[in-house]
Protein backbone atom coordinates (compact mmCIF):
# COMPACT_ATOMS: atom_id res chain seq x y z
CA UNK A 1 57.69 171.42 108.13
CA UNK A 2 56.55 175.04 108.81
CA UNK A 3 53.02 175.98 110.06
CA UNK A 4 52.40 178.26 106.93
CA UNK A 5 54.41 177.45 103.88
CA UNK A 6 54.64 179.57 100.63
CA UNK A 7 56.46 177.63 97.95
CA UNK A 8 57.54 179.19 94.59
CA UNK A 9 54.67 181.72 94.58
CA UNK A 10 54.55 183.64 91.18
CA UNK A 11 51.93 186.22 90.13
CA UNK A 12 51.88 188.89 87.22
CA UNK A 13 49.49 191.65 86.65
CA UNK A 14 49.42 192.69 82.88
CA UNK A 15 52.97 191.26 82.21
CA UNK A 16 54.43 192.79 85.15
CA UNK A 17 55.68 190.27 87.91
CA UNK A 18 54.47 191.05 91.27
CA UNK A 19 55.78 187.74 92.86
CA UNK A 20 58.64 185.99 91.23
CA UNK A 21 59.08 182.73 92.93
CA UNK A 22 58.57 183.61 96.51
CA UNK A 23 59.35 181.02 99.16
CA UNK A 24 58.37 181.81 102.91
CA UNK A 25 57.86 179.36 105.91
CA UNK A 26 56.29 180.59 109.36
CA UNK A 27 56.70 178.24 112.32
CA UNK A 28 53.64 177.75 114.46
CA UNK A 29 53.14 180.80 116.70
CA UNK A 30 55.63 182.86 114.83
CA UNK A 31 55.03 186.56 113.54
CA UNK A 32 56.67 187.28 110.54
CA UNK A 33 56.40 190.84 108.72
CA UNK A 34 56.97 191.37 105.11
CA UNK A 35 58.51 194.84 104.83
CA UNK A 36 59.20 196.59 101.39
CA UNK A 37 58.22 199.56 99.37
CA UNK A 38 54.91 199.82 97.31
CA UNK A 39 54.74 197.29 94.46
CA UNK A 40 57.37 194.84 95.99
CA UNK A 41 54.64 192.03 96.24
CA UNK A 42 54.04 191.92 99.92
CA UNK A 43 50.26 192.49 99.81
CA UNK A 44 49.93 190.26 96.57
CA UNK A 45 51.57 187.43 98.77
CA UNK A 46 49.24 188.07 101.61
CA UNK A 47 46.30 188.10 99.43
CA UNK A 48 47.20 184.81 97.95
CA UNK A 49 47.48 183.27 101.21
CA UNK A 50 44.04 184.61 102.26
CA UNK A 51 42.67 183.26 98.98
CA UNK A 52 41.71 186.81 97.28
CA UNK A 53 44.18 186.26 94.70
CA UNK A 54 45.06 183.22 92.70
CA UNK A 55 48.80 182.37 91.85
CA UNK A 56 50.02 181.82 88.59
CA UNK A 57 52.37 179.05 90.09
CA UNK A 58 53.33 177.75 93.25
CA UNK A 59 51.36 176.49 96.48
CA UNK A 60 50.21 177.58 99.92
CA UNK A 61 50.38 174.96 102.55
CA UNK A 62 49.01 175.07 106.15
CA UNK A 63 50.12 172.17 108.53
CA UNK A 64 51.35 170.38 105.47
CA UNK A 65 47.89 170.52 103.46
CA UNK A 66 47.86 172.11 100.34
CA UNK A 67 45.07 174.88 100.37
CA UNK A 68 46.06 176.65 97.09
CA UNK A 69 42.71 175.68 95.49
CA UNK A 70 40.59 176.14 98.66
CA UNK A 71 38.05 179.09 98.45
CA UNK A 72 38.75 181.99 100.88
CA UNK A 73 35.76 181.34 103.15
CA UNK A 74 37.01 177.87 103.71
CA UNK A 75 40.51 178.65 104.69
CA UNK A 76 40.05 179.53 108.35
CA UNK A 77 42.08 182.89 107.85
CA UNK A 78 41.54 185.74 110.05
CA UNK A 79 42.16 189.16 108.22
CA UNK A 80 42.59 192.50 109.64
CA UNK A 81 42.67 195.40 106.74
CA UNK A 82 43.95 198.91 106.57
CA UNK A 83 40.40 199.99 106.34
CA UNK A 84 38.50 198.74 109.38
CA UNK A 85 35.62 197.29 107.29
CA UNK A 86 33.20 196.91 110.11
CA UNK A 87 29.51 196.43 109.64
CA UNK A 88 28.13 200.00 110.23
CA UNK A 89 24.73 198.84 111.37
CA UNK A 90 26.14 196.31 113.98
CA UNK A 91 27.47 197.29 117.35
CA UNK A 92 31.21 196.20 118.37
CA UNK A 93 30.02 193.17 120.04
CA UNK A 94 27.67 192.18 117.21
CA UNK A 95 30.70 192.80 114.70
CA UNK A 96 32.75 190.35 116.66
CA UNK A 97 30.24 187.81 117.13
CA UNK A 98 29.14 187.63 113.53
CA UNK A 99 31.77 185.04 112.35
CA UNK A 100 31.23 182.61 115.26
CA UNK A 101 27.44 182.81 114.70
CA UNK A 102 28.04 181.88 111.09
CA UNK A 103 30.02 179.02 112.23
CA UNK A 104 27.68 178.02 115.00
CA UNK A 105 30.22 178.49 117.65
CA UNK A 106 29.90 179.19 121.30
CA UNK A 107 29.82 183.02 122.06
CA UNK A 108 33.16 184.45 123.23
CA UNK A 109 32.29 188.04 122.43
CA UNK A 110 32.83 189.54 126.10
CA UNK A 111 36.10 187.54 126.52
CA UNK A 112 37.25 188.93 123.18
CA UNK A 113 36.27 192.51 123.84
CA UNK A 114 38.22 192.23 127.06
CA UNK A 115 41.22 190.94 125.22
CA UNK A 116 41.27 193.87 123.25
CA UNK A 117 40.77 196.20 125.95
CA UNK A 118 37.06 197.12 124.92
CA UNK A 119 35.12 195.39 127.50
CA UNK A 120 33.05 198.51 128.16
CA UNK A 121 32.44 199.51 124.63
CA UNK A 122 30.48 196.33 123.16
CA UNK A 123 27.37 198.43 122.67
CA UNK A 124 28.84 201.17 120.61
CA UNK A 125 28.71 201.27 116.77
CA UNK A 126 31.50 201.87 114.65
CA UNK A 127 30.82 205.57 114.12
CA UNK A 128 30.84 206.03 117.97
CA UNK A 129 34.43 204.68 118.23
CA UNK A 130 37.84 206.11 117.51
CA UNK A 131 39.99 204.91 114.59
CA UNK A 132 42.03 202.77 117.18
CA UNK A 133 39.07 201.53 118.75
CA UNK A 134 37.60 200.33 115.42
CA UNK A 135 40.83 198.57 114.52
CA UNK A 136 40.67 196.74 117.83
CA UNK A 137 37.12 195.48 116.87
CA UNK A 138 38.40 194.47 113.73
CA UNK A 139 41.15 192.50 115.45
CA UNK A 140 38.80 190.86 117.74
CA UNK A 141 36.43 190.13 115.07
CA UNK A 142 39.39 188.30 112.99
CA UNK A 143 40.37 186.34 116.19
CA UNK A 144 36.83 185.37 116.84
CA UNK A 145 36.74 182.63 114.36
CA UNK A 146 39.70 180.97 115.87
CA UNK A 147 41.73 181.15 112.73
CA UNK A 148 44.91 178.87 111.92
CA UNK A 149 46.48 181.75 110.65
CA UNK A 150 46.08 185.81 111.15
CA UNK A 151 46.76 188.05 108.29
CA UNK A 152 47.53 191.81 108.79
CA UNK A 153 47.43 194.10 105.88
CA UNK A 154 48.81 197.36 107.00
CA UNK A 155 46.31 197.60 109.65
CA UNK A 156 47.89 200.47 111.56
CA UNK A 157 48.55 202.91 108.63
CA UNK A 158 45.50 204.83 108.85
CA UNK A 159 45.97 205.92 112.74
CA UNK A 160 47.84 208.57 114.08
CA UNK A 161 51.45 208.03 115.36
CA UNK A 162 50.73 207.72 119.19
CA UNK A 163 47.68 205.31 118.73
CA UNK A 164 49.73 203.33 116.15
CA UNK A 165 52.32 202.61 118.49
CA UNK A 166 50.11 201.50 121.37
CA UNK A 167 48.01 199.31 119.09
CA UNK A 168 51.22 197.72 117.55
CA UNK A 169 52.22 196.67 121.08
CA UNK A 170 48.78 195.51 121.79
CA UNK A 171 48.77 193.28 118.58
CA UNK A 172 52.24 191.68 119.67
CA UNK A 173 50.92 191.08 123.06
CA UNK A 174 47.70 189.43 122.00
CA UNK A 175 49.58 187.42 119.40
CA UNK A 176 52.03 186.11 121.74
CA UNK A 177 49.29 185.37 124.40
CA UNK A 178 47.34 183.24 122.02
CA UNK A 179 50.37 181.77 120.06
CA UNK A 180 48.90 182.69 116.83
CA UNK A 181 50.92 182.17 113.67
CA UNK A 182 50.80 185.73 111.88
CA UNK A 183 51.84 187.30 108.68
CA UNK A 184 52.05 190.97 108.93
CA UNK A 185 52.50 193.19 105.92
CA UNK A 186 53.67 196.67 106.26
CA UNK A 187 55.70 199.25 104.64
CA UNK A 188 56.68 200.89 108.11
CA UNK A 189 59.96 199.62 108.90
CA UNK A 190 59.85 200.70 112.59
CA UNK A 191 56.42 198.49 113.03
CA UNK A 192 58.32 195.60 111.43
CA UNK A 193 61.19 195.78 113.54
CA UNK A 194 59.17 196.29 116.67
CA UNK A 195 56.86 193.40 116.64
CA UNK A 196 58.41 190.61 114.64
CA UNK A 197 60.16 187.43 115.34
CA UNK A 198 61.50 187.62 111.76
CA UNK A 199 61.52 190.21 109.01
CA UNK A 200 61.35 189.57 105.44
CA UNK A 201 62.45 192.43 103.31
CA UNK A 202 61.10 192.35 99.73
CA UNK A 203 61.93 194.01 96.49
CA UNK A 204 60.62 193.20 92.95
CA UNK A 205 58.69 190.17 94.09
CA UNK A 206 61.64 188.44 96.05
CA UNK A 207 62.89 188.23 99.49
CA UNK A 208 66.20 190.14 99.66
CA UNK A 209 66.54 188.95 103.30
CA UNK A 210 64.53 186.88 105.98
CA UNK A 211 66.04 187.14 109.46
CA UNK A 212 65.53 188.47 113.06
CA UNK A 213 65.02 192.30 113.14
CA UNK A 214 68.18 192.81 114.89
CA UNK A 215 70.25 190.90 112.11
CA UNK A 216 68.28 192.64 109.37
CA UNK A 217 69.21 195.94 110.93
CA UNK A 218 72.75 195.39 111.88
CA UNK A 219 73.83 192.72 109.06
CA UNK A 220 71.72 193.71 105.99
CA UNK A 221 72.37 191.32 103.13
CA UNK A 222 72.51 193.64 100.45
CA UNK A 223 72.67 197.38 99.75
CA UNK A 224 68.82 197.60 99.12
CA UNK A 225 68.11 196.22 102.54
CA UNK A 226 70.67 198.51 104.15
CA UNK A 227 69.20 201.59 102.59
CA UNK A 228 65.48 200.53 103.03
CA UNK A 229 65.72 199.59 106.77
CA UNK A 230 66.88 202.47 108.84
CA UNK A 231 68.82 205.50 108.04
CA UNK A 232 72.09 205.15 106.21
CA UNK A 233 74.86 207.22 104.87
CA UNK A 234 76.06 206.14 101.17
CA UNK A 235 79.63 207.54 100.69
CA UNK A 236 81.49 207.08 97.48
CA UNK A 237 85.08 205.61 97.67
CA UNK A 238 87.49 203.33 96.20
CA UNK A 239 88.46 199.75 97.05
CA UNK A 240 92.19 199.36 98.20
CA UNK A 241 94.24 196.31 99.52
CA UNK A 242 92.51 195.48 103.11
CA UNK A 243 89.91 198.28 103.00
CA UNK A 244 88.63 201.39 101.54
CA UNK A 245 89.74 204.92 100.79
CA UNK A 246 87.48 207.99 100.93
CA UNK A 247 89.59 211.07 99.77
CA UNK A 248 92.71 211.05 101.78
CA UNK A 249 91.14 208.81 104.35
CA UNK A 250 92.03 205.04 104.27
CA UNK A 251 89.99 202.50 106.38
CA UNK A 252 90.80 199.10 107.09
CA UNK A 253 87.86 196.90 106.79
CA UNK A 254 86.97 193.36 105.74
CA UNK A 255 83.83 194.58 104.33
CA UNK A 256 85.69 195.12 101.26
CA UNK A 257 87.05 191.84 100.59
CA UNK A 258 86.49 190.35 96.98
CA UNK A 259 86.24 193.96 95.57
CA UNK A 260 89.03 194.50 93.00
CA UNK A 261 91.57 197.15 94.23
CA UNK A 262 90.76 200.57 92.51
CA UNK A 263 87.00 199.73 91.99
CA UNK A 264 84.58 202.57 92.89
CA UNK A 265 82.54 201.48 95.83
CA UNK A 266 79.63 202.75 97.98
CA UNK A 267 80.46 202.71 101.70
CA UNK A 268 77.13 202.26 103.65
CA UNK A 269 77.34 203.16 107.27
CA UNK A 270 74.41 204.14 109.60
CA UNK A 271 74.58 207.64 111.58
CA UNK A 272 75.02 205.83 115.02
CA UNK A 273 78.04 203.99 113.69
CA UNK A 274 79.99 207.29 113.08
CA UNK A 275 82.27 208.75 115.99
CA UNK A 276 82.72 212.50 115.84
CA UNK A 277 85.47 214.90 117.43
CA UNK A 278 86.50 218.33 116.84
CA UNK A 279 89.24 218.44 114.26
CA UNK A 280 92.75 219.68 115.56
CA UNK A 281 93.54 220.91 112.13
CA UNK A 282 96.55 218.75 111.59
CA UNK A 283 96.77 216.52 108.37
CA UNK A 284 96.79 213.10 109.95
CA UNK A 285 94.88 211.28 107.28
CA UNK A 286 91.67 211.54 109.08
CA UNK A 287 87.94 211.68 107.44
CA UNK A 288 87.34 215.29 108.07
CA UNK A 289 84.47 217.61 107.38
CA UNK A 290 82.54 220.46 108.49
CA UNK A 291 79.02 220.50 110.42
CA UNK A 292 76.58 222.18 108.12
CA UNK A 293 73.20 221.37 109.95
CA UNK A 294 71.91 220.19 113.29
CA UNK A 295 68.36 218.30 113.55
CA UNK A 296 67.22 217.80 117.17
CA UNK A 297 65.53 214.36 117.49
CA UNK A 298 65.03 214.06 121.09
CA UNK A 299 67.50 211.83 122.76
CA UNK A 300 69.80 212.25 119.70
CA UNK A 301 70.83 215.15 117.43
CA UNK A 302 71.81 214.21 113.92
CA UNK A 303 74.54 216.37 112.57
CA UNK A 304 75.03 216.95 108.80
CA UNK A 305 78.87 216.94 107.85
CA UNK A 306 80.07 217.89 104.53
CA UNK A 307 83.23 216.03 103.76
CA UNK A 308 86.43 218.05 102.92
CA UNK A 309 87.25 218.14 99.27
CA UNK A 310 83.79 217.52 97.89
CA UNK A 311 80.06 217.86 98.23
CA UNK A 312 79.29 214.57 100.00
CA UNK A 313 77.28 215.08 103.28
CA UNK A 314 77.03 212.37 105.87
CA UNK A 315 74.66 212.28 108.90
CA UNK A 316 75.99 211.58 112.30
CA UNK A 317 73.96 210.82 115.43
CA UNK A 318 75.36 212.22 118.65
CA UNK A 319 73.71 212.37 122.16
CA UNK A 320 71.63 215.59 122.26
CA UNK A 321 73.71 216.39 125.71
CA UNK A 322 76.78 216.61 123.37
CA UNK A 323 75.33 218.45 120.43
CA UNK A 324 76.39 221.90 121.79
CA UNK A 325 80.23 220.83 121.17
CA UNK A 326 79.47 220.77 117.37
CA UNK A 327 77.65 223.87 116.30
CA UNK A 328 77.27 224.60 112.58
CA UNK A 329 80.55 225.50 111.03
CA UNK A 330 82.61 223.30 113.23
CA UNK A 331 85.58 221.27 111.87
CA UNK A 332 85.23 217.70 112.81
CA UNK A 333 87.01 214.27 112.42
CA UNK A 334 84.85 211.22 111.75
CA UNK A 335 85.50 207.80 112.96
CA UNK A 336 83.54 205.00 111.05
CA UNK A 337 83.04 201.68 112.72
CA UNK A 338 84.77 199.31 110.43
CA UNK A 339 83.03 196.29 111.71
CA UNK A 340 79.72 197.84 110.99
CA UNK A 341 80.36 198.75 107.36
CA UNK A 342 78.65 197.56 104.12
CA UNK A 343 80.83 198.28 101.10
CA UNK A 344 79.64 197.48 97.67
CA UNK A 345 80.91 197.86 94.13
CA UNK A 346 79.34 200.70 92.27
């Protein structure tokens, strides 16, 4: 039995299904992220857990107790929103203390300010704090009531990039330190992969895949997951016995098993899973192309390679120290990592 359980959740708005039978279970102390595009149902699921929305069907349980019909203010859920939602007429310390006072609990404001790194800023009002500092106050306020579950609704999306990275790491540190069961909703795949014990990728109100970040990234369960999480190339090819054919290039791979010979397929491969070398010019059945662009990304440079005999362009990541070997116009031969491909019938 999980600490937080969502069973068969369904919710529609104006005849449009937002959730289509969502099942999800979180262990005590686990951080699970729901990741997906706008409209996939992730925020609706979070709001149902919080008690802000009522499910059309299904249940929410905490420690085995059905809380589906329990009002939001009785659920003991801590929530951090995208908007900081602080009381503007209260100091940081007063915002944090508010929930504990309502519950007549002993004051822990100083401890919580220290926990989020704001021990010296407790007397400041929200307008005197930066966006990152305000969100730290919001996090401390959510933790102050000692919730059974912490709910994070895209809490970092309004922050600039550097602050966002620092605060996401802080959230993970605090969540781990407290052993707090946490449901994190985001559309930012980097956030989800960086902080989660497991990631649930959602589409059209359903979970496409739920697994550890490394498995979701390296072993996507569907074309949608592969294309949504990380950067991928999708190359048109043909299924053949024991593999796939892309133009004159033939690749042996178990990824095409179960697809009829001659069927059109999409070969999905990540830029870092493609090797590249200068092409000798000999026709040896290699997958060849021409470098048409370079994008410097710091430690890696992304090459855009137009495949011979067509208009398909694939992206190939190389260490920036090697990028000088492949200037625009260079003829190259590509080596696809057969074990890391996903092949799907068109």
